[in-house]
């Protein structure tokens, strides 16, 4: 099984996405809990350097590529570790391509 590496903000973004889905009646609380249990069962490594890069490489990458800082954190991580990036975000995917980062195809 492959390990997924995510920036330190990942768990907050996922939690917020689940909460928004609940509030908009797109998911029940039970479905959110099931999703959380599934995510917790995966091999996910949280990158400890995300925060230390926020005011340097992530900031400049966000500026250069016109991304939000939190999106640039994913791109910075992929560039730094020379890994592909998985995203459904068109702008992030386009920026990754411009930066020479391979994309993982995600069915969405």
C-alpha atoms as a PDB file:
ATOM      1  CA  UNK A   1       0.000   0.000   0.000  1.00  0.00           C
ATOM      2  CA  UNK A   2       1.272   3.472  -0.858  1.00  0.00           C
ATOM      3  CA  UNK A   3       1.706   6.193   1.723  1.00  0.00           C
ATOM      4  CA  UNK A   4       0.070   9.532   1.013  1.00  0.00           C
ATOM      5  CA  UNK A   5       1.953  12.625   2.164  1.00  0.00           C
ATOM      6  CA  UNK A   6      -0.097  15.713   2.955  1.00  0.00           C
ATOM      7  CA  UNK A   7       0.640  19.212   4.251  1.00  0.00           C
ATOM      8  CA  UNK A   8      -0.169  19.918   7.887  1.00  0.00           C
ATOM      9  CA  UNK A   9      -3.376  21.770   6.941  1.00  0.00           C
ATOM     10  CA  UNK A  10      -4.899  18.696   5.285  1.00  0.00           C
ATOM     11  CA  UNK A  11      -6.863  17.386   8.268  1.00  0.00           C
ATOM     12  CA  UNK A  12      -8.412  20.817   8.896  1.00  0.00           C
ATOM     13  CA  UNK A  13      -9.412  21.134   5.255  1.00  0.00           C
ATOM     14  CA  UNK A  14     -10.979  17.674   5.237  1.00  0.00           C
ATOM     15  CA  UNK A  15     -12.802  18.325   8.510  1.00  0.00           C
ATOM     16  CA  UNK A  16     -14.157  21.595   7.130  1.00  0.00           C
ATOM     17  CA  UNK A  17     -15.262  19.935   3.887  1.00  0.00           C
ATOM     18  CA  UNK A  18     -17.187  17.299   5.837  1.00  0.00           C
ATOM     19  CA  UNK A  19     -18.807  19.914   8.072  1.00  0.00           C
ATOM     20  CA  UNK A  20     -19.870  22.020   5.085  1.00  0.00           C
ATOM     21  CA  UNK A  21     -21.326  18.921   3.402  1.00  0.00           C
ATOM     22  CA  UNK A  22     -23.324  18.168   6.551  1.00  0.00           C
ATOM     23  CA  UNK A  23     -24.580  21.740   6.867  1.00  0.00           C
ATOM     24  CA  UNK A  24     -25.703  21.743   3.239  1.00  0.00           C
ATOM     25  CA  UNK A  25     -27.441  18.396   3.746  1.00  0.00           C
ATOM     26  CA  UNK A  26     -25.146  16.653   1.275  1.00  0.00           C
ATOM     27  CA  UNK A  27     -23.969  14.244   3.976  1.00  0.00           C
ATOM     28  CA  UNK A  28     -25.369  12.933   7.201  1.00  0.00           C
ATOM     29  CA  UNK A  29     -23.397  12.914  10.439  1.00  0.00           C
ATOM     30  CA  UNK A  30     -23.154   9.150  10.102  1.00  0.00           C
ATOM     31  CA  UNK A  31     -21.654   9.476   6.616  1.00  0.00           C
ATOM     32  CA  UNK A  32     -19.138  12.009   7.902  1.00  0.00           C
ATOM     33  CA  UNK A  33     -18.121   9.678  10.718  1.00  0.00           C
ATOM     34  CA  UNK A  34     -17.742   6.832   8.224  1.00  0.00           C
ATOM     35  CA  UNK A  35     -15.573   9.034   5.993  1.00  0.00           C
ATOM     36  CA  UNK A  36     -13.412  10.002   8.974  1.00  0.00           C
ATOM     37  CA  UNK A  37     -12.988   6.360   9.975  1.00  0.00           C
ATOM     38  CA  UNK A  38     -11.994   5.481   6.416  1.00  0.00           C
ATOM     39  CA  UNK A  39      -9.482   8.328   6.214  1.00  0.00           C
ATOM     40  CA  UNK A  40      -7.986   7.372   9.572  1.00  0.00           C
ATOM     41  CA  UNK A  41      -7.448   3.832   8.291  1.00  0.00           C
ATOM     42  CA  UNK A  42      -5.285   5.038   5.385  1.00  0.00           C
ATOM     43  CA  UNK A  43      -1.519   5.407   5.471  1.00  0.00           C
ATOM     44  CA  UNK A  44      -1.298   9.191   5.560  1.00  0.00           C
ATOM     45  CA  UNK A  45       1.876  10.974   6.619  1.00  0.00           C
ATOM     46  CA  UNK A  46       1.589  14.616   7.661  1.00  0.00           C
ATOM     47  CA  UNK A  47       4.514  16.724   6.472  1.00  0.00           C
ATOM     48  CA  UNK A  48       6.059  18.501   9.438  1.00  0.00           C
ATOM     49  CA  UNK A  49       7.777  21.153   7.313  1.00  0.00           C
ATOM     50  CA  UNK A  50       4.587  22.728   5.937  1.00  0.00           C
ATOM     51  CA  UNK A  51       4.471  25.469   8.554  1.00  0.00           C
ATOM     52  CA  UNK A  52       8.146  26.372   8.240  1.00  0.00           C
ATOM     53  CA  UNK A  53       7.692  26.889   4.490  1.00  0.00           C
ATOM     54  CA  UNK A  54       4.606  29.136   4.797  1.00  0.00           C
ATOM     55  CA  UNK A  55       6.438  32.474   4.700  1.00  0.00           C
ATOM     56  CA  UNK A  56       9.087  31.384   2.222  1.00  0.00           C
ATOM     57  CA  UNK A  57       8.702  28.921  -0.641  1.00  0.00           C
ATOM     58  CA  UNK A  58       4.942  28.436  -0.205  1.00  0.00           C
ATOM     59  CA  UNK A  59       4.299  32.188  -0.090  1.00  0.00           C
ATOM     60  CA  UNK A  60       6.375  32.872  -3.190  1.00  0.00           C
ATOM     61  CA  UNK A  61       4.878  29.918  -5.059  1.00  0.00           C
ATOM     62  CA  UNK A  62       1.357  31.140  -4.228  1.00  0.00           C
ATOM     63  CA  UNK A  63       2.244  34.601  -5.502  1.00  0.00           C
ATOM     64  CA  UNK A  64       3.913  33.317  -8.675  1.00  0.00           C
ATOM     65  CA  UNK A  65       1.133  30.878  -9.567  1.00  0.00           C
ATOM     66  CA  UNK A  66      -1.855  32.939  -8.375  1.00  0.00           C
ATOM     67  CA  UNK A  67      -2.883  30.336  -5.798  1.00  0.00           C
ATOM     68  CA  UNK A  68      -4.236  30.590  -2.286  1.00  0.00           C
ATOM     69  CA  UNK A  69      -1.507  29.856   0.256  1.00  0.00           C
ATOM     70  CA  UNK A  70      -3.205  26.653   1.391  1.00  0.00           C
ATOM     71  CA  UNK A  71      -3.321  25.358  -2.209  1.00  0.00           C
ATOM     72  CA  UNK A  72       0.289  26.373  -2.744  1.00  0.00           C
ATOM     73  CA  UNK A  73       1.206  24.288   0.333  1.00  0.00           C
ATOM     74  CA  UNK A  74       0.211  21.139  -1.576  1.00  0.00           C
ATOM     75  CA  UNK A  75       2.213  22.228  -4.618  1.00  0.00           C
ATOM     76  CA  UNK A  76       5.256  23.192  -2.533  1.00  0.00           C
ATOM     77  CA  UNK A  77       5.200  19.770  -0.891  1.00  0.00           C
ATOM     78  CA  UNK A  78       5.021  17.985  -4.257  1.00  0.00           C
ATOM     79  CA  UNK A  79       7.887  20.055  -5.654  1.00  0.00           C
ATOM     80  CA  UNK A  80      10.068  19.654  -2.555  1.00  0.00           C
ATOM     81  CA  UNK A  81       9.587  15.892  -2.306  1.00  0.00           C
ATOM     82  CA  UNK A  82       9.508  15.358  -6.087  1.00  0.00           C
ATOM     83  CA  UNK A  83       6.138  13.626  -5.894  1.00  0.00           C
ATOM     84  CA  UNK A  84       3.007  13.789  -8.066  1.00  0.00           C
ATOM     85  CA  UNK A  85      -0.010  15.706  -6.827  1.00  0.00           C
ATOM     86  CA  UNK A  86      -3.644  14.569  -6.688  1.00  0.00           C
ATOM     87  CA  UNK A  87      -6.222  17.326  -6.975  1.00  0.00           C
ATOM     88  CA  UNK A  88      -9.632  18.097  -8.396  1.00  0.00           C
ATOM     89  CA  UNK A  89      -8.824  21.828  -8.348  1.00  0.00           C
ATOM     90  CA  UNK A  90      -8.275  23.066 -11.895  1.00  0.00           C
ATOM     91  CA  UNK A  91      -6.077  26.031 -10.946  1.00  0.00           C
ATOM     92  CA  UNK A  92      -3.861  23.894  -8.740  1.00  0.00           C
ATOM     93  CA  UNK A  93      -3.577  21.243 -11.469  1.00  0.00           C
ATOM     94  CA  UNK A  94      -2.615  23.877 -14.039  1.00  0.00           C
ATOM     95  CA  UNK A  95      -0.016  25.370 -11.689  1.00  0.00           C
ATOM     96  CA  UNK A  96       1.392  21.908 -11.001  1.00  0.00           C
ATOM     97  CA  UNK A  97       1.736  21.275 -14.727  1.00  0.00           C
ATOM     98  CA  UNK A  98       3.523  24.610 -15.209  1.00  0.00           C
ATOM     99  CA  UNK A  99       5.900  23.686 -12.374  1.00  0.00           C
ATOM    100  CA  UNK A 100       6.668  20.275 -13.863  1.00  0.00           C
ATOM    101  CA  UNK A 101       4.781  18.286 -11.225  1.00  0.00           C
ATOM    102  CA  UNK A 102       3.030  15.144 -12.430  1.00  0.00           C
ATOM    103  CA  UNK A 103      -0.699  14.823 -11.791  1.00  0.00           C
ATOM    104  CA  UNK A 104      -2.458  11.813 -10.321  1.00  0.00           C
ATOM    105  CA  UNK A 105      -5.753  11.275 -12.120  1.00  0.00           C
ATOM    106  CA  UNK A 106      -8.627  11.450  -9.637  1.00  0.00           C
ATOM    107  CA  UNK A 107     -12.162  10.552 -10.634  1.00  0.00           C
ATOM    108  CA  UNK A 108     -14.397  13.231  -9.231  1.00  0.00           C
END
